[in-house]
Protein backbone atom coordinates (compact mmCIF):
# COMPACT_ATOMS: atom_id res chain seq x y z
CA UNK A 1 153.54 282.00 85.01
CA UNK A 2 151.94 283.91 82.17
CA UNK A 3 153.47 284.07 78.59
CA UNK A 4 153.02 287.35 76.98
CA UNK A 5 153.82 289.37 74.06
CA UNK A 6 154.19 293.28 73.93
CA UNK A 7 152.93 294.91 70.76
CA UNK A 8 151.90 298.39 69.71
CA UNK A 9 150.09 300.28 66.98
CA UNK A 10 151.62 303.65 66.50
CA UNK A 11 152.87 303.75 70.12
CA UNK A 12 149.60 302.68 71.66
CA UNK A 13 151.08 299.57 73.29
CA UNK A 14 149.43 296.51 74.77
CA UNK A 15 150.28 293.29 76.57
CA UNK A 16 149.00 290.33 74.66
CA UNK A 17 148.19 287.05 76.28
CA UNK A 18 146.69 283.78 74.88
CA UNK A 19 143.84 282.87 77.23
CA UNK A 20 142.13 280.35 74.92
CA UNK A 21 143.27 277.32 76.91
CA UNK A 22 144.55 278.68 80.10
CA UNK A 23 141.87 281.40 81.62
CA UNK A 24 143.41 284.62 83.11
CA UNK A 25 142.12 285.06 86.91
CA UNK A 26 141.20 288.62 87.82
CA UNK A 27 142.35 290.30 84.52
CA UNK A 28 141.42 293.73 85.97
CA UNK A 29 144.03 293.39 88.69
CA UNK A 30 146.50 291.80 86.34
CA UNK A 31 146.21 294.93 84.01
CA UNK A 32 147.18 297.33 86.88
CA UNK A 33 150.18 295.31 87.79
CA UNK A 34 151.52 294.37 84.32
CA UNK A 35 150.87 297.92 82.81
CA UNK A 36 152.84 299.79 85.41
CA UNK A 37 155.75 301.49 83.60
CA UNK A 38 158.09 301.19 86.62
CA UNK A 39 157.50 297.78 88.28
CA UNK A 40 155.67 295.96 85.60
CA UNK A 41 155.99 295.54 82.02
CA UNK A 42 154.65 298.96 81.01
CA UNK A 43 151.82 299.40 78.70
CA UNK A 44 148.50 301.27 78.21
CA UNK A 45 146.69 297.89 79.08
CA UNK A 46 146.45 294.03 78.44
CA UNK A 47 144.35 292.42 75.80
CA UNK A 48 143.47 288.71 75.95
CA UNK A 49 142.97 286.44 73.09
CA UNK A 50 139.80 284.01 73.59
CA UNK A 51 137.89 281.63 71.77
CA UNK A 52 134.65 282.87 70.30
CA UNK A 53 131.41 281.10 69.43
CA UNK A 54 130.34 283.84 66.80
CA UNK A 55 133.60 284.90 65.18
CA UNK A 56 137.11 283.69 64.60
CA UNK A 57 138.42 284.94 67.95
CA UNK A 58 137.29 287.00 70.94
CA UNK A 59 138.91 290.22 72.50
CA UNK A 60 138.97 291.47 75.92
CA UNK A 61 140.63 294.60 76.70
CA UNK A 62 141.61 296.16 79.86
CA UNK A 63 143.07 299.77 80.53
CA UNK A 64 146.12 300.38 82.81
CA UNK A 65 143.54 301.31 85.60
CA UNK A 66 141.84 297.76 85.33
CA UNK A 67 138.74 299.03 83.72
CA UNK A 68 137.50 296.96 80.76
CA UNK A 69 136.97 298.96 77.52
CA UNK A 70 134.59 297.96 74.89
CA UNK A 71 137.16 298.25 71.79
CA UNK A 72 140.66 299.30 70.94
CA UNK A 73 141.39 300.31 67.26
CA UNK A 74 145.12 300.05 67.89
CA UNK A 75 144.73 297.02 69.87
CA UNK A 76 142.59 294.99 67.59
CA UNK A 77 145.08 295.51 64.64
CA UNK A 78 147.63 294.14 66.73
CA UNK A 79 145.42 291.18 67.79
CA UNK A 80 145.10 290.38 64.02
CA UNK A 81 149.06 290.23 63.78
CA UNK A 82 149.22 288.14 66.88
CA UNK A 83 146.96 285.31 65.77
CA UNK A 84 148.31 285.26 62.05
CA UNK A 85 152.04 285.58 63.02
CA UNK A 86 151.62 282.53 65.60
CA UNK A 87 149.72 280.40 63.01
CA UNK A 88 146.59 280.45 65.11
CA UNK A 89 144.83 281.33 61.68
CA UNK A 90 145.96 281.41 58.09
CA UNK A 91 143.20 283.77 57.07
CA UNK A 92 144.09 287.24 55.81
CA UNK A 93 140.49 288.26 56.61
CA UNK A 94 139.12 287.47 60.08
CA UNK A 95 136.33 288.31 62.28
CA UNK A 96 136.83 289.24 66.16
CA UNK A 97 134.24 289.54 68.85
CA UNK A 98 134.38 292.47 71.03
CA UNK A 99 132.18 294.35 73.63
CA UNK A 100 131.22 296.76 70.74
CA UNK A 101 130.28 293.90 68.30
CA UNK A 102 131.98 291.67 65.65
CA UNK A 103 134.84 293.68 64.01
CA UNK A 104 136.35 292.72 60.68
CA UNK A 105 140.09 292.77 59.74
CA UNK A 106 141.98 292.68 56.76
CA UNK A 107 145.55 291.71 57.31
CA UNK A 108 148.39 292.82 55.11
CA UNK A 109 151.48 290.48 55.36
CA UNK A 110 155.08 291.24 54.42
CA UNK A 111 157.73 288.19 54.25
CA UNK A 112 155.00 285.88 55.95
CA UNK A 113 154.33 288.35 58.84
CA UNK A 114 151.88 291.04 59.21
CA UNK A 115 152.75 294.50 59.01
CA UNK A 116 149.57 296.39 58.72
CA UNK A 117 145.97 295.91 59.17
CA UNK A 118 142.76 297.42 58.25
CA UNK A 119 139.87 297.37 60.58
CA UNK A 120 136.14 298.12 59.75
CA UNK A 121 135.30 299.86 62.86
CA UNK A 122 131.62 299.90 61.91
CA UNK A 123 129.36 302.92 61.78
CA UNK A 124 129.66 305.90 64.28
CA UNK A 125 127.26 306.33 66.85
CA UNK A 126 126.02 309.89 67.05
CA UNK A 127 122.95 309.97 69.41
CA UNK A 128 123.95 311.29 72.83
CA UNK A 129 122.05 308.87 74.97
CA UNK A 130 123.74 305.88 73.27
CA UNK A 131 127.36 307.35 73.37
CA UNK A 132 126.29 307.47 76.41
CA UNK A 133 125.86 311.02 77.45
CA UNK A 134 123.29 312.36 79.73
CA UNK A 135 120.31 313.96 78.00
CA UNK A 136 118.04 313.39 75.03
CA UNK A 137 118.21 311.50 71.53
CA UNK A 138 119.86 314.63 69.90
CA UNK A 139 123.34 314.92 68.13
CA UNK A 140 126.15 316.50 70.00
CA UNK A 141 127.98 318.75 67.53
CA UNK A 142 129.98 321.84 68.74
CA UNK A 143 127.77 321.79 71.95
CA UNK A 144 129.22 324.06 74.91
CA UNK A 145 130.42 322.04 77.89
CA UNK A 146 131.49 323.97 81.10
CA UNK A 147 134.05 322.81 83.62
CA UNK A 148 133.74 323.65 87.43
CA UNK A 149 136.40 326.35 86.77
CA UNK A 150 134.07 327.82 84.14
CA UNK A 151 136.46 326.92 81.28
CA UNK A 152 134.03 325.80 78.40
CA UNK A 153 134.92 323.73 75.30
CA UNK A 154 132.86 323.05 72.35
CA UNK A 155 132.60 319.35 71.89
CA UNK A 156 131.48 317.05 69.33
CA UNK A 157 130.41 313.60 70.70
CA UNK A 158 130.98 310.14 68.86
CA UNK A 159 130.89 306.48 70.09
CA UNK A 160 132.97 304.07 67.96
CA UNK A 161 131.70 301.32 70.39
CA UNK A 162 133.44 303.33 73.25
CA UNK A 163 132.53 307.06 74.08
CA UNK A 164 134.72 309.89 72.66
CA UNK A 165 134.65 313.79 72.65
CA UNK A 166 136.45 315.69 70.05
CA UNK A 167 137.59 319.29 70.67
CA UNK A 168 139.41 321.46 68.04
CA UNK A 169 142.10 323.70 69.21
CA UNK A 170 144.49 326.01 67.40
CA UNK A 171 147.87 324.50 68.80
CA UNK A 172 147.39 321.04 69.94
CA UNK A 173 151.13 320.77 70.94
CA UNK A 174 150.93 323.58 73.55
CA UNK A 175 147.55 322.64 74.87
CA UNK A 176 147.40 321.47 78.53
CA UNK A 177 146.06 317.93 77.72
CA UNK A 178 146.95 316.53 81.30
CA UNK A 179 145.01 319.35 82.89
CA UNK A 180 141.74 319.25 81.15
CA UNK A 181 141.80 315.58 80.22
CA UNK A 182 140.76 314.04 83.36
CA UNK A 183 138.40 316.71 83.94
CA UNK A 184 136.30 316.01 80.86
CA UNK A 185 136.95 312.40 81.13
CA UNK A 186 135.29 312.27 84.65
CA UNK A 187 132.59 315.05 83.81
CA UNK A 188 129.05 314.14 85.14
CA UNK A 189 127.60 314.19 81.68
CA UNK A 190 129.22 310.93 80.92
CA UNK A 191 128.08 307.93 82.94
CA UNK A 192 130.68 305.67 81.72
CA UNK A 193 133.41 308.38 81.39
CA UNK A 194 134.87 309.41 78.13
CA UNK A 195 137.78 309.57 75.90
CA UNK A 196 138.92 312.91 74.88
CA UNK A 197 140.59 314.03 71.46
CA UNK A 198 142.49 317.32 71.26
CA UNK A 199 142.84 317.97 67.53
CA UNK A 200 144.57 320.62 65.49
CA UNK A 201 143.45 320.84 61.85
CA UNK A 202 146.17 321.34 59.46
CA UNK A 203 143.94 321.15 56.18
CA UNK A 204 140.73 319.30 55.15
CA UNK A 205 142.69 316.01 54.73
CA UNK A 206 145.10 316.23 57.49
CA UNK A 207 145.05 316.50 61.37
CA UNK A 208 147.13 316.34 64.49
CA UNK A 209 145.53 314.47 67.37
CA UNK A 210 146.37 314.13 71.07
CA UNK A 211 144.24 311.71 73.14
CA UNK A 212 143.40 311.46 76.96
CA UNK A 213 142.35 307.84 77.02
CA UNK A 214 139.66 306.79 79.55
CA UNK A 215 141.40 304.66 82.20
CA UNK A 216 144.91 305.25 80.86
CA UNK A 217 145.59 308.91 80.57
CA UNK A 218 147.34 310.40 77.63
CA UNK A 219 148.33 307.80 75.13
CA UNK A 220 150.76 307.98 72.01
CA UNK A 221 147.83 306.90 69.75
CA UNK A 222 144.20 306.03 69.74
CA UNK A 223 142.48 304.16 66.78
CA UNK A 224 138.99 304.54 67.98
CA UNK A 225 139.70 308.10 68.70
CA UNK A 226 141.25 308.72 65.34
CA UNK A 227 137.81 307.12 63.90
CA UNK A 228 135.85 309.91 66.26
CA UNK A 229 138.03 312.74 64.85
CA UNK A 230 137.30 311.85 61.23
CA UNK A 231 133.69 311.80 62.03
CA UNK A 232 133.75 314.90 64.05
CA UNK A 233 135.83 316.74 61.52
CA UNK A 234 133.32 315.94 58.76
CA UNK A 235 130.21 316.73 60.72
CA UNK A 236 131.64 320.22 61.62
CA UNK A 237 132.75 320.80 58.02
CA UNK A 238 136.48 320.98 58.93
CA UNK A 239 137.79 317.83 57.08
CA UNK A 240 136.71 315.48 54.42
CA UNK A 241 135.57 311.97 55.52
CA UNK A 242 139.01 310.49 54.19
CA UNK A 243 142.02 312.12 56.30
CA UNK A 244 145.57 311.33 57.61
CA UNK A 245 145.76 311.36 61.42
CA UNK A 246 149.10 312.32 62.90
CA UNK A 247 149.75 311.25 66.69
CA UNK A 248 152.49 311.26 69.04
CA UNK A 249 153.13 307.60 68.24
CA UNK A 250 152.81 307.92 64.41
CA UNK A 251 150.05 308.12 61.68
CA UNK A 252 146.87 306.53 60.84
CA UNK A 253 144.78 306.44 57.84
CA UNK A 254 141.09 306.91 58.39
CA UNK A 255 137.99 306.55 55.86
CA UNK A 256 134.42 307.30 56.71
CA UNK A 257 132.91 305.17 53.78
CA UNK A 258 129.58 306.69 52.61
CA UNK A 259 128.59 303.42 50.74
CA UNK A 260 128.20 301.52 54.23
CA UNK A 261 128.49 304.29 56.85
CA UNK A 262 131.48 302.47 58.22
CA UNK A 263 134.82 303.82 59.50
CA UNK A 264 138.06 301.96 58.05
CA UNK A 265 141.11 302.51 60.00
CA UNK A 266 144.49 301.46 58.44
CA UNK A 267 147.86 301.39 60.36
CA UNK A 268 151.02 299.71 61.13
CA UNK A 269 151.50 296.73 63.93
CA UNK A 270 154.58 296.09 65.62
CA UNK A 271 155.75 293.24 67.98
CA UNK A 272 158.09 294.64 70.65
CA UNK A 273 159.12 291.58 72.71
CA UNK A 274 157.81 288.63 74.50
CA UNK A 275 158.40 287.26 77.91
CA UNK A 276 157.14 285.56 81.14
CA UNK A 277 155.18 287.03 84.05
CA UNK A 278 155.30 285.49 87.22
CA UNK A 279 153.21 286.71 90.03
């Protein structure tokens, strides 16, 4: 029996499990089963709450296909709500250990519950070999990438602890994300696969984003993706460094702070329901 809580950040939904005292065996397989939207709970993946020796807590996140991801911007904001609302901590500023390093959260309560969180996502990684992407140490800004069907896209690559490519399109609502998302995710240039953001620029402070998420398919929102979009928009001269990102599941506010080169992501956190999983 596993007690769980389903939460979402702008529609990016995850199943949270407190594994501090009771370890979860085979979390990869569990994520596949629980994430199934027909015979499971339904989610974009599962997130484990763990003890940490170097931060307040540790987070492990598994996609709906069972693969483990380095970071999740929406998931980590909900993580903060989970631990605060359950009195695991009374601090409004906490640190969380992830595979992408230690992340800092500022929690914003209302009537004793967290309704919003601000995450310091850290500095973007721009070197292609560190994203990782096959090639040298150069930056990937508006670089042409060709698919097997000879369709080509101009991509800008950014890592926020996990790999992303950003592609600007004229009409994102009509763009065939389900066709090109998996082809780009699994392109041979990306040894660890990649997340893909398709973006329509409304003005220099506002964009619309659709995300094909590595290991999950199209999701309603992606926090690390919105961070990567802010960087790509700035690098290509299409947006400022502080923008509003509209997604299928809601809106995020992103700031690329020049003072510390860090990305700050702000958005709502919502608890959906709790339950017990029996295998």
